[in-house]
């Protein structure tokens, strides 16, 4: 698990075998879509279309599936 800061927004990043998770929190305001887009681009090199985003009051949860490697036979 890693913790990052975007000004007053805190971003918690975690990884599992099949997905990567980002949790955004801000005590004063809702999370802005630009914050999610920026973090997805800089941290994971993906865009929002590859992620499942759940927005809430002063928080957002973002889940990005890890691509399954293809096996040639």
Foldseek 3Di string as FASTA:
>chain_A
DDWDDDDQKIWDWDDDPWKIKIKIAHPPFWDDPVVVQVCCCPPVNDGPVQWDWDTDTRMIMIMGTDDDDDDDD
